[in-house]
C-alpha atoms as a PDB file:
ATOM      1  CA  MET A   1      97.301 -58.444 -19.350  1.00  0.00           C
ATOM      2  CA  THR A   2      96.089 -55.228 -20.930  1.00  0.00           C
ATOM      3  CA  ALA A   3      93.371 -52.971 -19.619  1.00  0.00           C
ATOM      4  CA  ALA A   4      90.607 -51.821 -21.905  1.00  0.00           C
ATOM      5  CA  ILE A   5      90.677 -48.098 -22.503  1.00  0.00           C
ATOM      6  CA  PRO A   6      87.187 -46.621 -22.435  1.00  0.00           C
ATOM      7  CA  GLY A   7      86.119 -44.749 -25.518  1.00  0.00           C
ATOM      8  CA  PRO A   8      85.087 -41.130 -25.481  1.00  0.00           C
ATOM      9  CA  PRO A   9      81.720 -40.379 -23.882  1.00  0.00           C
ATOM     10  CA  CYS A  10      78.754 -40.464 -26.213  1.00  0.00           C
ATOM     11  CA  PRO A  11      77.852 -36.990 -27.477  1.00  0.00           C
ATOM     12  CA  GLU A  12      74.836 -35.211 -26.043  1.00  0.00           C
ATOM     13  CA  ILE A  13      72.282 -34.049 -28.589  1.00  0.00           C
ATOM     14  CA  THR A  14      68.967 -32.211 -28.580  1.00  0.00           C
ATOM     15  CA  VAL A  15      66.313 -33.402 -31.023  1.00  0.00           C
ATOM     16  CA  GLU A  16      62.745 -32.258 -31.688  1.00  0.00           C
ATOM     17  CA  GLY A  17      60.139 -34.598 -33.088  1.00  0.00           C
ATOM     18  CA  GLY A  18      57.043 -36.688 -32.598  1.00  0.00           C
ATOM     19  CA  ILE A  19      56.709 -39.572 -30.144  1.00  0.00           C
ATOM     20  CA  ILE A  20      55.434 -43.001 -31.148  1.00  0.00           C
ATOM     21  CA  PHE A  21      55.787 -46.436 -29.545  1.00  0.00           C
ATOM     22  CA  VAL A  22      57.478 -49.298 -31.378  1.00  0.00           C
ATOM     23  CA  GLY A  23      57.062 -52.972 -30.516  1.00  0.00           C
ATOM     24  CA  ASN A  24      54.475 -54.927 -28.596  1.00  0.00           C
ATOM     25  CA  GLU A  25      53.592 -54.574 -24.923  1.00  0.00           C
ATOM     26  CA  PRO A  26      55.125 -55.158 -22.499  1.00  0.00           C
ATOM     27  CA  PHE A  27      58.282 -54.611 -24.584  1.00  0.00           C
ATOM     28  CA  SER A  28      57.289 -51.453 -26.472  1.00  0.00           C
ATOM     29  CA  VAL A  29      59.795 -48.616 -26.576  1.00  0.00           C
ATOM     30  CA  PRO A  30      59.189 -44.900 -27.139  1.00  0.00           C
ATOM     31  CA  ALA A  31      60.763 -43.560 -30.308  1.00  0.00           C
ATOM     32  CA  LEU A  32      61.199 -40.048 -31.619  1.00  0.00           C
ATOM     33  CA  TYR A  33      61.005 -39.168 -35.317  1.00  0.00           C
ATOM     34  CA  ASP A  34      62.637 -35.874 -36.266  1.00  0.00           C
ATOM     35  CA  GLU A  35      61.757 -33.569 -39.180  1.00  0.00           C
ATOM     36  CA  ASN A  36      63.966 -35.670 -41.503  1.00  0.00           C
ATOM     37  CA  ASN A  37      62.097 -38.846 -40.473  1.00  0.00           C
ATOM     38  CA  LYS A  38      65.175 -40.087 -38.599  1.00  0.00           C
ATOM     39  CA  ARG A  39      64.204 -42.445 -35.782  1.00  0.00           C
ATOM     40  CA  TYR A  40      65.756 -42.497 -32.326  1.00  0.00           C
ATOM     41  CA  PHE A  41      64.697 -45.061 -29.728  1.00  0.00           C
ATOM     42  CA  LEU A  42      64.508 -43.475 -26.283  1.00  0.00           C
ATOM     43  CA  SER A  43      66.025 -44.979 -23.136  1.00  0.00           C
ATOM     44  CA  VAL A  44      63.913 -43.637 -20.285  1.00  0.00           C
ATOM     45  CA  SER A  45      62.694 -44.549 -16.812  1.00  0.00           C
ATOM     46  CA  ASP A  46      59.346 -46.296 -16.373  1.00  0.00           C
ATOM     47  CA  GLU A  47      57.869 -43.006 -15.113  1.00  0.00           C
ATOM     48  CA  VAL A  48      58.975 -41.108 -18.229  1.00  0.00           C
ATOM     49  CA  LYS A  49      57.823 -43.995 -20.459  1.00  0.00           C
ATOM     50  CA  SER A  50      54.364 -43.732 -18.879  1.00  0.00           C
ATOM     51  CA  ASP A  51      54.273 -39.960 -19.482  1.00  0.00           C
ATOM     52  CA  MET A  52      55.327 -40.474 -23.094  1.00  0.00           C
ATOM     53  CA  ALA A  53      52.649 -43.150 -23.564  1.00  0.00           C
ATOM     54  CA  SER A  54      50.033 -40.688 -22.307  1.00  0.00           C
ATOM     55  CA  ASN A  55      51.290 -38.091 -24.785  1.00  0.00           C
ATOM     56  CA  ALA A  56      52.092 -40.310 -27.793  1.00  0.00           C
ATOM     57  CA  GLY A  57      51.645 -38.391 -31.022  1.00  0.00           C
ATOM     58  CA  LYS A  58      52.674 -35.061 -29.509  1.00  0.00           C
ATOM     59  CA  ARG A  59      55.873 -33.224 -30.314  1.00  0.00           C
ATOM     60  CA  VAL A  60      58.696 -33.064 -27.805  1.00  0.00           C
ATOM     61  CA  VAL A  61      62.236 -31.724 -27.427  1.00  0.00           C
ATOM     62  CA  VAL A  62      64.577 -34.406 -26.047  1.00  0.00           C
ATOM     63  CA  THR A  63      68.144 -33.994 -24.804  1.00  0.00           C
ATOM     64  CA  GLY A  64      70.418 -36.918 -24.034  1.00  0.00           C
ATOM     65  CA  ARG A  65      73.371 -39.049 -24.988  1.00  0.00           C
ATOM     66  CA  VAL A  66      73.201 -40.851 -28.307  1.00  0.00           C
ATOM     67  CA  TYR A  67      74.487 -44.398 -28.750  1.00  0.00           C
ATOM     68  CA  GLN A  68      73.983 -47.377 -31.060  1.00  0.00           C
ATOM     69  CA  ASP A  69      72.458 -50.691 -30.021  1.00  0.00           C
ATOM     70  CA  ASP A  70      70.503 -53.558 -31.566  1.00  0.00           C
ATOM     71  CA  TRP A  71      66.778 -53.371 -32.268  1.00  0.00           C
ATOM     72  CA  SER A  72      65.194 -56.462 -33.860  1.00  0.00           C
ATOM     73  CA  GLY A  73      68.576 -57.654 -35.097  1.00  0.00           C
ATOM     74  CA  LYS A  74      69.590 -54.331 -36.682  1.00  0.00           C
ATOM     75  CA  ARG A  75      71.768 -51.473 -35.453  1.00  0.00           C
ATOM     76  CA  ALA A  76      69.695 -48.473 -34.375  1.00  0.00           C
ATOM     77  CA  LEU A  77      70.227 -45.079 -32.759  1.00  0.00           C
ATOM     78  CA  PHE A  78      69.171 -44.647 -29.150  1.00  0.00           C
ATOM     79  CA  ILE A  79      69.096 -41.585 -26.922  1.00  0.00           C
ATOM     80  CA  ARG A  80      69.604 -42.027 -23.185  1.00  0.00           C
ATOM     81  CA  VAL A  81      67.276 -39.164 -22.239  1.00  0.00           C
ATOM     82  CA  THR A  82      68.499 -36.678 -19.629  1.00  0.00           C
ATOM     83  CA  SER A  83      65.669 -34.166 -20.136  1.00  0.00           C
ATOM     84  CA  TYR A  84      62.605 -33.623 -22.279  1.00  0.00           C
ATOM     85  CA  GLN A  85      59.917 -30.985 -22.721  1.00  0.00           C
ATOM     86  CA  TRP A  86      56.580 -31.226 -24.490  1.00  0.00           C
ATOM     87  CA  ILE A  87      55.932 -28.603 -27.143  1.00  0.00           C
ATOM     88  CA  GLU A  88      52.826 -26.672 -26.089  1.00  0.00           C
ATOM     89  CA  ASN A  89      50.022 -25.876 -28.529  1.00  0.00           C
ATOM     90  CA  ASP A  90      51.199 -28.537 -30.972  1.00  0.00           C
ATOM     91  CA  GLN A  91      48.703 -28.751 -33.823  1.00  0.00           C
END
């Protein structure tokens, strides 16, 4: 019997972009689009999801660990958010 060797930890990244929600309630997920129109789905607590829903459309800086998972049958990038900060005076 062989033991599985865990892979290296997912890298932590910081990304700035706009927040939108993708999918239909109650299964919608916050997503961040960066300046290159790259989309990251965000893994967050229900409390953070609620805050993001209240501020959808605003710009935010998100830090977390990036990983790949399935979204609607396709591979997609996700960020497991460890911190975020709204960008003040966003026009």
